[in-house]
């Protein structure tokens, strides 16, 4: 099975601009990508990062065993087009099953990914919150993706239209993509010891704020002064 990780290399995580500077957003995006790649390699697969611009793997500071397993391809087309070209029925197809795992799944673990990768269905989908598609496995050549709007529902409908069997993977870790400032709570609460994304946020001065009715994040004034 080929495992693809799309990555917006030029201006990642723009919806975090209210809490992170451009340089910090890039560093945090790299940290999440590194965590995702490490988790994939631990499942025994060798992922390909499909980046919108050239990506220096050295910047991710990957362990040697992960760095040697990862490859990078540049494709500046929109996400839907870049993914469809590499699915079993696409122009760049090899006939193998294809997994697509988003680069901002900072909570992903090898165990959660194994549930997805081991699914028997023609199409296995790990939906995100608000109807997105965070990860999927495609074995049916007639299936194509469409990442606009409520893509999870759209992908379920496409699977039905082409007569493909479908399985939904219900997973907190795969269902949590980090896009908005409120999502940073999940990284600090559920991030694993040693993972780069929570360490990155703590280095920026973020910590959990437990003083309100709902847990949030707060950033130290010292870190803001430093940046």
N, C-alpha and C. Protein backbone atom coordinates (compact mmCIF):
# COMPACT_ATOMS: atom_id res chain seq x y z
N UNK A 1 0.83 -1.20 0.00
CA UNK A 1 0.00 0.00 0.00
C UNK A 1 0.87 1.25 0.00
N UNK A 2 0.54 2.20 -0.87
CA UNK A 2 1.23 3.47 -0.89
C UNK A 2 0.52 4.44 0.07
N UNK A 3 1.30 5.18 0.84
CA UNK A 3 0.74 6.13 1.81
C UNK A 3 1.19 7.53 1.42
N UNK A 4 0.23 8.40 1.18
CA UNK A 4 0.48 9.76 0.73
C UNK A 4 0.11 10.75 1.83
N UNK A 5 0.95 11.75 2.03
CA UNK A 5 0.70 12.80 3.02
C UNK A 5 0.75 14.15 2.32
N UNK A 6 -0.39 14.74 1.96
CA UNK A 6 -0.39 16.06 1.33
C UNK A 6 0.10 17.12 2.33
N UNK A 7 0.85 18.10 1.84
CA UNK A 7 1.38 19.13 2.73
C UNK A 7 1.46 20.46 2.00
N UNK A 8 0.84 21.50 2.60
CA UNK A 8 0.93 22.86 2.06
C UNK A 8 2.24 23.47 2.54
N UNK A 9 3.23 23.45 1.70
CA UNK A 9 4.59 23.79 2.14
C UNK A 9 4.87 25.28 2.20
N UNK A 10 4.09 26.09 1.51
CA UNK A 10 4.42 27.51 1.41
C UNK A 10 3.77 28.36 2.49
N UNK A 11 2.47 28.23 2.69
CA UNK A 11 1.76 29.03 3.69
C UNK A 11 0.87 28.12 4.52
N UNK A 12 1.46 27.27 5.36
CA UNK A 12 0.65 26.33 6.12
C UNK A 12 -0.09 26.98 7.29
N UNK A 13 -1.22 26.39 7.64
CA UNK A 13 -1.96 26.72 8.85
C UNK A 13 -2.32 28.21 8.97
N UNK A 14 -2.88 28.76 7.90
CA UNK A 14 -3.22 30.19 7.90
C UNK A 14 -4.30 30.53 8.92
N UNK A 15 -5.14 29.56 9.29
CA UNK A 15 -6.20 29.84 10.26
C UNK A 15 -5.67 29.96 11.69
N UNK A 16 -4.37 29.75 11.86
CA UNK A 16 -3.74 29.97 13.17
C UNK A 16 -3.02 31.31 13.24
N UNK A 17 -3.26 32.17 12.25
CA UNK A 17 -2.50 33.42 12.19
C UNK A 17 -2.81 34.36 13.35
N UNK A 18 -3.94 34.16 14.03
CA UNK A 18 -4.26 35.04 15.17
C UNK A 18 -3.44 34.70 16.40
N UNK A 19 -2.81 33.52 16.42
CA UNK A 19 -2.04 33.13 17.61
C UNK A 19 -0.59 32.79 17.30
N UNK A 20 -0.24 32.60 16.02
CA UNK A 20 1.13 32.24 15.65
C UNK A 20 1.60 33.12 14.50
N UNK A 21 2.86 33.51 14.54
CA UNK A 21 3.45 34.27 13.45
C UNK A 21 3.68 33.34 12.25
N UNK A 22 3.95 33.88 11.07
CA UNK A 22 4.21 33.00 9.91
C UNK A 22 5.34 32.01 10.17
N UNK A 23 6.43 32.45 10.79
CA UNK A 23 7.54 31.54 11.07
C UNK A 23 7.12 30.46 12.06
N UNK A 24 6.31 30.83 13.05
CA UNK A 24 5.84 29.85 14.03
C UNK A 24 4.88 28.86 13.39
N UNK A 25 4.03 29.34 12.50
CA UNK A 25 3.10 28.43 11.83
C UNK A 25 3.86 27.39 11.00
N UNK A 26 4.91 27.83 10.33
CA UNK A 26 5.71 26.89 9.55
C UNK A 26 6.39 25.87 10.47
N UNK A 27 6.94 26.34 11.56
CA UNK A 27 7.62 25.43 12.50
C UNK A 27 6.63 24.43 13.09
N UNK A 28 5.44 24.91 13.44
CA UNK A 28 4.43 24.03 14.02
C UNK A 28 3.92 23.03 12.97
N UNK A 29 3.72 23.50 11.74
CA UNK A 29 3.29 22.59 10.66
C UNK A 29 4.34 21.52 10.42
N UNK A 30 5.61 21.89 10.45
CA UNK A 30 6.68 20.91 10.31
C UNK A 30 6.65 19.90 11.46
N UNK A 31 6.38 20.38 12.67
CA UNK A 31 6.33 19.47 13.83
C UNK A 31 5.21 18.46 13.68
N UNK A 32 4.03 18.92 13.26
CA UNK A 32 2.91 18.00 13.07
C UNK A 32 3.21 17.00 11.96
N UNK A 33 3.75 17.50 10.86
CA UNK A 33 4.11 16.61 9.75
C UNK A 33 5.10 15.55 10.21
N UNK A 34 6.09 15.95 10.98
CA UNK A 34 7.07 15.00 11.47
C UNK A 34 6.42 13.93 12.34
N UNK A 35 5.49 14.33 13.20
CA UNK A 35 4.80 13.35 14.05
C UNK A 35 3.99 12.37 13.20
N UNK A 36 3.31 12.88 12.18
CA UNK A 36 2.52 12.01 11.30
C UNK A 36 3.43 11.03 10.56
N UNK A 37 4.53 11.51 10.04
CA UNK A 37 5.45 10.63 9.31
C UNK A 37 6.05 9.56 10.22
N UNK A 38 6.41 9.94 11.43
CA UNK A 38 6.96 8.96 12.37
C UNK A 38 5.93 7.87 12.68
N UNK A 39 4.68 8.27 12.88
CA UNK A 39 3.63 7.29 13.17
C UNK A 39 3.40 6.35 12.00
N UNK A 40 3.43 6.89 10.78
CA UNK A 40 3.23 6.05 9.59
C UNK A 40 4.38 5.05 9.46
N UNK A 41 5.60 5.51 9.62
CA UNK A 41 6.75 4.61 9.48
C UNK A 41 6.71 3.51 10.53
N UNK A 42 6.19 3.82 11.72
CA UNK A 42 6.07 2.80 12.76
C UNK A 42 5.08 1.71 12.38
N UNK A 43 4.18 1.98 11.43
CA UNK A 43 3.27 0.94 10.95
C UNK A 43 3.92 0.05 9.91
N UNK A 44 5.15 0.38 9.50
CA UNK A 44 5.84 -0.42 8.50
C UNK A 44 5.70 0.09 7.09
N UNK A 45 5.14 1.28 6.90
CA UNK A 45 4.96 1.84 5.56
C UNK A 45 5.96 2.96 5.32
N UNK A 46 6.19 3.26 4.04
CA UNK A 46 7.12 4.31 3.66
C UNK A 46 6.34 5.43 2.97
N UNK A 47 6.03 6.49 3.70
CA UNK A 47 5.15 7.54 3.17
C UNK A 47 5.82 8.45 2.16
N UNK A 48 5.00 9.00 1.28
CA UNK A 48 5.43 10.03 0.35
C UNK A 48 4.72 11.33 0.70
N UNK A 49 5.49 12.37 0.95
CA UNK A 49 4.91 13.70 1.18
C UNK A 49 4.68 14.33 -0.19
N UNK A 50 3.44 14.68 -0.47
CA UNK A 50 3.09 15.39 -1.70
C UNK A 50 2.96 16.86 -1.33
N UNK A 51 4.01 17.62 -1.57
CA UNK A 51 4.10 19.00 -1.11
C UNK A 51 3.80 19.97 -2.24
N UNK A 52 3.24 21.12 -1.87
CA UNK A 52 2.91 22.13 -2.87
C UNK A 52 4.13 22.91 -3.35
N UNK A 53 5.26 22.74 -2.65
CA UNK A 53 6.52 23.40 -3.01
C UNK A 53 7.65 22.53 -2.47
N UNK A 54 8.88 22.74 -2.93
CA UNK A 54 9.99 21.93 -2.42
C UNK A 54 10.05 21.95 -0.90
N UNK A 55 10.33 20.79 -0.32
CA UNK A 55 10.36 20.62 1.12
C UNK A 55 11.70 20.02 1.53
N UNK A 56 12.37 20.68 2.45
CA UNK A 56 13.64 20.20 2.97
C UNK A 56 13.36 19.27 4.15
N UNK A 57 13.54 17.99 3.95
CA UNK A 57 13.28 17.03 5.03
C UNK A 57 14.17 17.27 6.24
N UNK A 58 15.35 17.84 6.02
CA UNK A 58 16.24 18.11 7.15
C UNK A 58 15.59 19.06 8.15
N UNK A 59 14.72 19.93 7.65
CA UNK A 59 14.05 20.89 8.53
C UNK A 59 13.10 20.19 9.50
N UNK A 60 12.69 18.98 9.19
CA UNK A 60 11.77 18.25 10.06
C UNK A 60 12.49 17.54 11.20
N UNK A 61 13.82 17.43 11.08
CA UNK A 61 14.64 16.77 12.12
C UNK A 61 14.10 15.38 12.45
N UNK A 62 13.89 14.59 11.41
CA UNK A 62 13.36 13.24 11.57
C UNK A 62 14.45 12.29 12.06
N UNK A 63 14.08 11.27 12.81
CA UNK A 63 15.04 10.21 13.13
C UNK A 63 15.54 9.57 11.84
N UNK A 64 16.73 9.02 11.87
CA UNK A 64 17.34 8.47 10.65
C UNK A 64 16.47 7.41 10.00
N UNK A 65 15.87 6.53 10.81
CA UNK A 65 15.06 5.46 10.22
C UNK A 65 13.81 5.99 9.54
N UNK A 66 13.32 7.12 10.00
CA UNK A 66 12.15 7.74 9.37
C UNK A 66 12.57 8.51 8.13
N UNK A 67 13.64 9.28 8.24
CA UNK A 67 14.11 10.09 7.11
C UNK A 67 14.41 9.24 5.89
N UNK A 68 14.98 8.07 6.10
CA UNK A 68 15.32 7.20 4.97
C UNK A 68 14.09 6.53 4.37
N UNK A 69 12.98 6.50 5.10
CA UNK A 69 11.75 5.86 4.61
C UNK A 69 10.83 6.84 3.90
N UNK A 70 11.09 8.13 4.05
CA UNK A 70 10.19 9.16 3.52
C UNK A 70 10.71 9.70 2.19
N UNK A 71 9.80 9.90 1.25
CA UNK A 71 10.14 10.57 -0.01
C UNK A 71 9.25 11.79 -0.17
N UNK A 72 9.67 12.70 -1.05
CA UNK A 72 8.92 13.94 -1.28
C UNK A 72 8.67 14.10 -2.76
N UNK A 73 7.44 14.44 -3.11
CA UNK A 73 7.08 14.81 -4.48
C UNK A 73 6.43 16.18 -4.44
N UNK A 74 6.76 17.03 -5.39
CA UNK A 74 6.18 18.36 -5.47
C UNK A 74 5.03 18.36 -6.47
N UNK A 75 3.88 18.85 -6.04
CA UNK A 75 2.70 18.95 -6.89
C UNK A 75 1.93 20.18 -6.43
N UNK A 76 1.93 21.24 -7.23
CA UNK A 76 1.30 22.49 -6.80
C UNK A 76 -0.15 22.60 -7.22
N UNK A 77 -0.73 21.50 -7.69
CA UNK A 77 -2.14 21.52 -8.03
C UNK A 77 -3.00 21.55 -6.76
N UNK A 78 -4.29 21.92 -6.87
CA UNK A 78 -5.18 21.84 -5.72
C UNK A 78 -5.21 20.43 -5.14
N UNK A 79 -5.55 20.33 -3.85
CA UNK A 79 -5.50 19.06 -3.13
C UNK A 79 -6.26 17.95 -3.86
N UNK A 80 -7.48 18.23 -4.29
CA UNK A 80 -8.29 17.20 -4.94
C UNK A 80 -7.59 16.64 -6.17
N UNK A 81 -7.05 17.52 -7.01
CA UNK A 81 -6.39 17.07 -8.24
C UNK A 81 -5.12 16.29 -7.94
N UNK A 82 -4.34 16.76 -6.97
CA UNK A 82 -3.09 16.07 -6.64
C UNK A 82 -3.34 14.68 -6.08
N UNK A 83 -4.38 14.54 -5.27
CA UNK A 83 -4.69 13.23 -4.71
C UNK A 83 -5.27 12.30 -5.77
N UNK A 84 -6.22 12.79 -6.57
CA UNK A 84 -6.86 11.93 -7.58
C UNK A 84 -5.84 11.36 -8.56
N UNK A 85 -4.81 12.14 -8.88
CA UNK A 85 -3.79 11.65 -9.81
C UNK A 85 -3.06 10.44 -9.28
N UNK A 86 -3.07 10.26 -7.95
CA UNK A 86 -2.28 9.18 -7.35
C UNK A 86 -3.14 8.05 -6.78
N UNK A 87 -4.45 8.14 -6.93
CA UNK A 87 -5.33 7.05 -6.50
C UNK A 87 -5.24 5.89 -7.49
N UNK A 88 -5.78 4.72 -7.13
CA UNK A 88 -5.64 3.55 -8.03
C UNK A 88 -6.10 3.79 -9.46
N UNK A 89 -7.06 4.69 -9.67
CA UNK A 89 -7.51 4.96 -11.03
C UNK A 89 -6.94 6.22 -11.63
N UNK A 90 -5.94 6.83 -11.00
CA UNK A 90 -5.40 8.10 -11.47
C UNK A 90 -4.30 7.96 -12.49
N UNK A 91 -3.84 9.09 -12.99
CA UNK A 91 -2.82 9.12 -14.04
C UNK A 91 -1.49 8.54 -13.56
N UNK A 92 -1.21 8.71 -12.26
CA UNK A 92 0.06 8.22 -11.70
C UNK A 92 -0.12 6.92 -10.93
N UNK A 93 -1.18 6.18 -11.25
CA UNK A 93 -1.51 4.98 -10.49
C UNK A 93 -0.53 3.85 -10.77
N UNK A 94 -0.35 3.00 -9.77
CA UNK A 94 0.48 1.80 -9.92
C UNK A 94 -0.33 0.52 -9.72
N UNK A 95 -1.63 0.69 -9.41
CA UNK A 95 -2.47 -0.47 -9.15
C UNK A 95 -2.56 -0.83 -7.70
N UNK A 96 -1.71 -0.23 -6.85
CA UNK A 96 -1.74 -0.51 -5.43
C UNK A 96 -2.86 0.27 -4.74
N UNK A 97 -3.26 -0.22 -3.57
CA UNK A 97 -4.14 0.57 -2.72
C UNK A 97 -3.39 1.81 -2.26
N UNK A 98 -4.13 2.87 -2.01
CA UNK A 98 -3.53 4.14 -1.63
C UNK A 98 -4.19 4.65 -0.35
N UNK A 99 -3.36 5.05 0.59
CA UNK A 99 -3.85 5.73 1.79
C UNK A 99 -3.46 7.20 1.71
N UNK A 100 -4.38 8.06 2.13
CA UNK A 100 -4.12 9.50 2.17
C UNK A 100 -4.31 9.95 3.62
N UNK A 101 -3.25 10.46 4.21
CA UNK A 101 -3.27 10.87 5.61
C UNK A 101 -2.87 12.34 5.67
N UNK A 102 -3.72 13.17 6.25
CA UNK A 102 -3.43 14.60 6.29
C UNK A 102 -2.27 14.91 7.25
N UNK A 103 -1.55 15.97 6.93
CA UNK A 103 -0.32 16.29 7.65
C UNK A 103 -0.56 16.95 8.99
N UNK A 104 -1.80 17.33 9.30
CA UNK A 104 -2.07 18.03 10.56
C UNK A 104 -2.78 17.14 11.57
N UNK A 105 -2.65 15.83 11.42
CA UNK A 105 -3.24 14.91 12.39
C UNK A 105 -2.24 14.68 13.52
N UNK A 106 -2.07 15.72 14.34
CA UNK A 106 -1.00 15.71 15.34
C UNK A 106 -1.20 14.66 16.42
N UNK A 107 -2.40 14.11 16.54
CA UNK A 107 -2.67 13.10 17.56
C UNK A 107 -2.55 11.68 17.03
N UNK A 108 -2.27 11.52 15.75
CA UNK A 108 -2.23 10.19 15.14
C UNK A 108 -1.16 9.33 15.80
N UNK A 109 -1.48 8.07 16.00
CA UNK A 109 -0.55 7.10 16.55
C UNK A 109 -0.46 5.91 15.59
N UNK A 110 0.57 5.10 15.72
CA UNK A 110 0.63 3.89 14.88
C UNK A 110 -0.61 3.02 15.05
N UNK A 111 -1.11 2.88 16.26
CA UNK A 111 -2.29 2.02 16.49
C UNK A 111 -3.52 2.57 15.78
N UNK A 112 -3.74 3.89 15.84
CA UNK A 112 -4.91 4.46 15.18
C UNK A 112 -4.78 4.35 13.66
N UNK A 113 -3.58 4.52 13.14
CA UNK A 113 -3.37 4.38 11.71
C UNK A 113 -3.53 2.93 11.26
N UNK A 114 -3.11 1.99 12.08
CA UNK A 114 -3.25 0.57 11.73
C UNK A 114 -4.72 0.21 11.55
N UNK A 115 -5.60 0.77 12.37
CA UNK A 115 -7.04 0.50 12.21
C UNK A 115 -7.51 0.91 10.84
N UNK A 116 -7.04 2.05 10.36
CA UNK A 116 -7.41 2.52 9.03
C UNK A 116 -6.79 1.66 7.95
N UNK A 117 -5.50 1.43 8.05
CA UNK A 117 -4.77 0.73 6.99
C UNK A 117 -5.18 -0.74 6.88
N UNK A 118 -5.66 -1.31 7.98
CA UNK A 118 -6.03 -2.73 7.99
C UNK A 118 -7.49 -2.97 7.59
N UNK A 119 -8.24 -1.91 7.34
CA UNK A 119 -9.65 -2.07 6.98
C UNK A 119 -9.78 -2.85 5.68
N UNK A 120 -10.79 -3.72 5.62
CA UNK A 120 -10.98 -4.58 4.45
C UNK A 120 -11.80 -3.93 3.34
N UNK A 121 -12.50 -2.86 3.66
CA UNK A 121 -13.42 -2.25 2.69
C UNK A 121 -12.68 -1.66 1.50
N UNK A 122 -13.41 -1.49 0.38
CA UNK A 122 -12.84 -0.83 -0.79
C UNK A 122 -12.43 0.61 -0.46
N UNK A 123 -13.26 1.25 0.36
CA UNK A 123 -12.99 2.62 0.79
C UNK A 123 -13.13 2.67 2.31
N UNK A 124 -12.08 3.09 3.00
CA UNK A 124 -12.14 3.28 4.44
C UNK A 124 -11.85 4.75 4.73
N UNK A 125 -12.70 5.38 5.53
CA UNK A 125 -12.58 6.83 5.76
C UNK A 125 -12.55 7.10 7.26
N UNK A 126 -11.60 7.94 7.66
CA UNK A 126 -11.58 8.50 9.02
C UNK A 126 -12.05 9.93 8.90
N UNK A 127 -13.31 10.20 9.25
CA UNK A 127 -13.82 11.57 9.09
C UNK A 127 -13.27 12.50 10.16
N UNK A 128 -13.22 13.78 9.81
CA UNK A 128 -12.85 14.80 10.77
C UNK A 128 -14.10 15.49 11.29
N UNK A 129 -13.89 16.38 12.22
CA UNK A 129 -15.00 17.16 12.73
C UNK A 129 -15.54 18.08 11.65
N UNK A 130 -16.82 18.36 11.71
CA UNK A 130 -17.49 19.25 10.75
C UNK A 130 -17.52 18.68 9.34
N UNK A 131 -17.38 17.35 9.22
CA UNK A 131 -17.64 16.71 7.93
C UNK A 131 -16.48 16.61 6.99
N UNK A 132 -15.27 16.87 7.46
CA UNK A 132 -14.11 16.72 6.59
C UNK A 132 -13.65 15.28 6.49
N UNK A 133 -12.63 15.05 5.66
CA UNK A 133 -12.03 13.74 5.50
C UNK A 133 -10.57 13.85 5.92
N UNK A 134 -10.23 13.27 7.05
CA UNK A 134 -8.87 13.40 7.58
C UNK A 134 -7.92 12.34 7.05
N UNK A 135 -8.43 11.16 6.77
CA UNK A 135 -7.60 10.09 6.24
C UNK A 135 -8.51 9.09 5.55
N UNK A 136 -8.00 8.42 4.54
CA UNK A 136 -8.78 7.39 3.88
C UNK A 136 -7.87 6.41 3.16
N UNK A 137 -8.41 5.23 2.91
CA UNK A 137 -7.75 4.21 2.12
C UNK A 137 -8.64 3.92 0.92
N UNK A 138 -8.04 3.88 -0.26
CA UNK A 138 -8.78 3.66 -1.50
C UNK A 138 -8.22 2.43 -2.20
N UNK A 139 -9.09 1.44 -2.42
CA UNK A 139 -8.72 0.24 -3.18
C UNK A 139 -9.49 0.13 -4.49
N UNK A 140 -10.53 0.93 -4.65
CA UNK A 140 -11.41 0.88 -5.82
C UNK A 140 -10.94 1.89 -6.86
N UNK A 141 -10.54 1.43 -8.08
CA UNK A 141 -10.04 2.37 -9.10
C UNK A 141 -11.06 3.40 -9.57
N UNK A 142 -12.35 3.10 -9.44
CA UNK A 142 -13.36 4.05 -9.92
C UNK A 142 -13.62 5.19 -8.94
N UNK A 143 -13.07 5.09 -7.75
CA UNK A 143 -13.33 6.11 -6.73
C UNK A 143 -12.42 7.32 -6.92
N UNK A 144 -12.98 8.51 -6.75
CA UNK A 144 -12.21 9.75 -6.77
C UNK A 144 -12.60 10.58 -5.55
N UNK A 145 -11.71 11.49 -5.17
CA UNK A 145 -11.98 12.34 -4.02
C UNK A 145 -12.48 13.71 -4.46
N UNK A 146 -13.14 14.37 -3.53
CA UNK A 146 -13.55 15.76 -3.71
C UNK A 146 -13.50 16.39 -2.32
N UNK A 147 -12.45 17.18 -2.07
CA UNK A 147 -12.21 17.69 -0.72
C UNK A 147 -12.93 19.00 -0.41
N UNK A 148 -13.84 19.43 -1.25
CA UNK A 148 -14.57 20.67 -0.97
C UNK A 148 -15.76 20.38 -0.06
N UNK A 149 -16.07 21.32 0.85
CA UNK A 149 -17.27 21.22 1.68
C UNK A 149 -17.24 20.04 2.62
N UNK A 150 -18.41 19.41 2.80
CA UNK A 150 -18.52 18.24 3.68
C UNK A 150 -18.01 17.01 2.94
N UNK A 151 -16.71 16.91 2.82
CA UNK A 151 -16.12 15.88 1.95
C UNK A 151 -16.40 14.47 2.45
N UNK A 152 -16.58 14.28 3.76
CA UNK A 152 -16.88 12.93 4.24
C UNK A 152 -18.18 12.43 3.63
N UNK A 153 -19.22 13.25 3.68
CA UNK A 153 -20.50 12.84 3.09
C UNK A 153 -20.37 12.66 1.58
N UNK A 154 -19.63 13.55 0.95
CA UNK A 154 -19.43 13.42 -0.50
C UNK A 154 -18.70 12.12 -0.83
N UNK A 155 -17.70 11.78 -0.06
CA UNK A 155 -16.94 10.56 -0.33
C UNK A 155 -17.77 9.31 -0.08
N UNK A 156 -18.63 9.35 0.93
CA UNK A 156 -19.55 8.22 1.13
C UNK A 156 -20.47 8.05 -0.07
N UNK A 157 -20.97 9.16 -0.60
CA UNK A 157 -21.86 9.10 -1.76
C UNK A 157 -21.11 8.61 -3.00
N UNK A 158 -19.89 9.07 -3.21
CA UNK A 158 -19.10 8.62 -4.35
C UNK A 158 -18.84 7.12 -4.26
N UNK A 159 -18.54 6.64 -3.06
CA UNK A 159 -18.32 5.20 -2.88
C UNK A 159 -19.56 4.41 -3.25
N UNK A 160 -20.72 4.90 -2.83
CA UNK A 160 -21.97 4.20 -3.18
C UNK A 160 -22.20 4.23 -4.69
N UNK A 161 -21.92 5.37 -5.31
CA UNK A 161 -22.16 5.50 -6.75
C UNK A 161 -21.32 4.53 -7.57
N UNK A 162 -20.10 4.25 -7.11
CA UNK A 162 -19.23 3.34 -7.88
C UNK A 162 -19.33 1.90 -7.38
N UNK A 163 -20.25 1.66 -6.44
CA UNK A 163 -20.47 0.29 -5.96
C UNK A 163 -19.38 -0.23 -5.06
N UNK A 164 -18.68 0.65 -4.37
CA UNK A 164 -17.58 0.24 -3.50
C UNK A 164 -18.07 0.00 -2.08
N UNK A 165 -17.50 -0.99 -1.42
CA UNK A 165 -17.80 -1.19 -0.01
C UNK A 165 -17.13 -0.08 0.79
N UNK A 166 -17.76 0.28 1.90
CA UNK A 166 -17.35 1.47 2.65
C UNK A 166 -17.29 1.16 4.14
N UNK A 167 -16.24 1.64 4.79
CA UNK A 167 -16.10 1.53 6.24
C UNK A 167 -15.68 2.87 6.81
N UNK A 168 -16.37 3.30 7.84
CA UNK A 168 -16.00 4.53 8.55
C UNK A 168 -15.19 4.17 9.79
N UNK A 169 -14.03 4.79 9.93
CA UNK A 169 -13.16 4.56 11.08
C UNK A 169 -13.43 5.66 12.10
N UNK A 170 -14.06 5.28 13.21
CA UNK A 170 -14.40 6.23 14.27
C UNK A 170 -13.21 6.34 15.21
N UNK A 171 -12.47 7.43 15.13
CA UNK A 171 -11.24 7.57 15.89
C UNK A 171 -11.04 9.00 16.34
N UNK A 172 -10.90 9.21 17.64
CA UNK A 172 -10.58 10.54 18.14
C UNK A 172 -9.28 11.04 17.55
N UNK A 173 -8.26 10.18 17.51
CA UNK A 173 -6.93 10.62 17.09
C UNK A 173 -6.87 10.94 15.60
N UNK A 174 -7.54 10.16 14.78
CA UNK A 174 -7.57 10.47 13.35
C UNK A 174 -8.63 11.51 13.02
N UNK A 175 -9.59 11.69 13.90
CA UNK A 175 -10.67 12.63 13.64
C UNK A 175 -10.35 14.06 14.07
N UNK A 176 -9.18 14.26 14.69
CA UNK A 176 -8.82 15.58 15.20
C UNK A 176 -7.73 16.19 14.34
N UNK A 177 -8.12 17.10 13.45
CA UNK A 177 -7.13 17.84 12.68
C UNK A 177 -6.95 19.21 13.33
N UNK A 178 -5.75 19.73 13.25
CA UNK A 178 -5.42 20.95 13.97
C UNK A 178 -5.42 22.13 13.00
N UNK A 179 -6.52 22.88 13.03
CA UNK A 179 -6.70 23.99 12.10
C UNK A 179 -6.90 25.33 12.79
N UNK A 180 -7.68 25.32 13.89
CA UNK A 180 -8.09 26.55 14.55
C UNK A 180 -7.38 26.70 15.90
N UNK A 181 -7.31 27.93 16.43
CA UNK A 181 -6.69 28.13 17.74
C UNK A 181 -7.25 27.22 18.84
N UNK A 182 -8.56 26.98 18.85
CA UNK A 182 -9.14 26.12 19.88
C UNK A 182 -8.63 24.68 19.79
N UNK A 183 -8.16 24.28 18.60
CA UNK A 183 -7.66 22.91 18.43
C UNK A 183 -6.35 22.67 19.18
N UNK A 184 -5.65 23.74 19.53
CA UNK A 184 -4.37 23.58 20.21
C UNK A 184 -4.53 22.89 21.56
N UNK A 185 -5.71 23.03 22.15
CA UNK A 185 -6.00 22.32 23.41
C UNK A 185 -5.78 20.83 23.24
N UNK A 186 -6.27 20.29 22.13
CA UNK A 186 -6.20 18.84 21.91
C UNK A 186 -4.75 18.36 21.84
N UNK A 187 -3.88 19.18 21.26
CA UNK A 187 -2.48 18.80 21.14
C UNK A 187 -1.84 18.71 22.53
N UNK A 188 -2.14 19.69 23.37
CA UNK A 188 -1.55 19.70 24.71
C UNK A 188 -2.16 18.64 25.62
N UNK A 189 -3.42 18.30 25.41
CA UNK A 189 -4.08 17.29 26.24
C UNK A 189 -3.72 15.87 25.80
N UNK A 190 -3.76 15.62 24.48
CA UNK A 190 -3.65 14.26 23.98
C UNK A 190 -2.31 13.94 23.31
N UNK A 191 -1.46 14.94 23.12
CA UNK A 191 -0.17 14.66 22.49
C UNK A 191 0.66 13.71 23.33
N UNK A 192 1.37 12.83 22.66
CA UNK A 192 2.16 11.82 23.36
C UNK A 192 3.50 12.39 23.83
N UNK A 193 4.00 11.83 24.90
CA UNK A 193 5.32 12.21 25.39
C UNK A 193 6.35 11.97 24.29
N UNK A 194 7.14 12.98 24.00
CA UNK A 194 8.16 12.86 22.96
C UNK A 194 7.72 13.33 21.60
N UNK A 195 6.42 13.57 21.41
CA UNK A 195 5.96 14.07 20.12
C UNK A 195 6.39 15.52 19.92
N UNK A 196 6.58 15.90 18.67
CA UNK A 196 7.10 17.23 18.37
C UNK A 196 6.06 18.33 18.50
N UNK A 197 4.81 18.06 18.12
CA UNK A 197 3.81 19.13 18.11
C UNK A 197 3.54 19.70 19.50
N UNK A 198 3.27 18.88 20.52
CA UNK A 198 3.08 19.48 21.84
C UNK A 198 4.34 20.16 22.36
N UNK A 199 5.49 19.57 22.08
CA UNK A 199 6.75 20.20 22.51
C UNK A 199 6.93 21.56 21.85
N UNK A 200 6.53 21.66 20.59
CA UNK A 200 6.64 22.91 19.85
C UNK A 200 5.75 23.98 20.48
N UNK A 201 4.51 23.63 20.80
CA UNK A 201 3.61 24.60 21.42
C UNK A 201 4.13 25.05 22.78
N UNK A 202 4.65 24.13 23.55
CA UNK A 202 5.19 24.51 24.86
C UNK A 202 6.40 25.41 24.70
N UNK A 203 7.21 25.15 23.68
CA UNK A 203 8.36 26.02 23.42
C UNK A 203 7.91 27.43 23.04
N UNK A 204 6.73 27.56 22.43
CA UNK A 204 6.18 28.86 22.09
C UNK A 204 5.55 29.55 23.31
N UNK A 205 5.46 28.84 24.43
CA UNK A 205 4.89 29.43 25.63
C UNK A 205 3.43 29.11 25.88
N UNK A 206 2.86 28.16 25.13
CA UNK A 206 1.46 27.79 25.33
C UNK A 206 1.34 26.78 26.48
N UNK A 207 0.27 26.93 27.24
CA UNK A 207 -0.06 25.96 28.27
C UNK A 207 -1.57 25.91 28.42
N UNK A 208 -2.06 24.87 29.08
CA UNK A 208 -3.50 24.74 29.28
C UNK A 208 -4.00 25.78 30.26
N UNK A 209 -5.16 26.31 29.97
CA UNK A 209 -5.83 27.28 30.85
C UNK A 209 -7.07 26.59 31.43
N UNK A 210 -7.00 26.24 32.70
CA UNK A 210 -8.08 25.50 33.36
C UNK A 210 -8.96 26.38 34.22
N UNK A 211 -8.88 27.68 34.08
CA UNK A 211 -9.57 28.58 34.99
C UNK A 211 -11.02 28.85 34.59
N UNK A 212 -11.38 28.60 33.39
CA UNK A 212 -12.74 28.83 32.95
C UNK A 212 -13.58 27.57 33.04
N UNK A 213 -14.80 27.65 32.51
CA UNK A 213 -15.67 26.48 32.52
C UNK A 213 -15.21 25.42 31.54
N UNK A 214 -14.46 25.84 30.53
CA UNK A 214 -13.95 24.91 29.53
C UNK A 214 -12.45 25.13 29.37
N UNK A 215 -11.71 24.06 29.28
CA UNK A 215 -10.25 24.17 29.17
C UNK A 215 -9.87 24.85 27.86
N UNK A 216 -8.94 25.79 27.95
CA UNK A 216 -8.43 26.46 26.77
C UNK A 216 -6.92 26.48 26.80
N UNK A 217 -6.33 27.35 26.00
CA UNK A 217 -4.88 27.54 26.04
C UNK A 217 -4.58 29.00 26.30
N UNK A 218 -3.46 29.23 26.93
CA UNK A 218 -2.99 30.58 27.18
C UNK A 218 -1.51 30.62 26.84
N UNK A 219 -1.05 31.79 26.41
CA UNK A 219 0.35 31.93 26.04
C UNK A 219 1.01 32.94 26.97
N UNK A 220 2.18 32.59 27.45
CA UNK A 220 2.88 33.46 28.39
C UNK A 220 3.26 34.78 27.73
N UNK A 221 3.23 35.85 28.49
CA UNK A 221 3.60 37.15 27.97
C UNK A 221 5.07 37.18 27.58
N UNK A 222 5.90 36.42 28.31
CA UNK A 222 7.31 36.39 28.00
C UNK A 222 7.57 35.86 26.60
N UNK A 223 6.83 34.83 26.20
CA UNK A 223 7.02 34.27 24.86
C UNK A 223 6.59 35.24 23.79
N UNK A 224 5.55 36.01 24.05
CA UNK A 224 5.09 37.00 23.07
C UNK A 224 6.12 38.11 22.92
N UNK A 225 6.76 38.47 24.02
CA UNK A 225 7.80 39.50 23.97
C UNK A 225 9.01 39.02 23.17
N UNK A 226 9.33 37.74 23.34
CA UNK A 226 10.47 37.17 22.63
C UNK A 226 10.26 37.11 21.14
N UNK A 227 9.00 36.90 20.70
CA UNK A 227 8.73 36.80 19.27
C UNK A 227 8.47 38.16 18.66
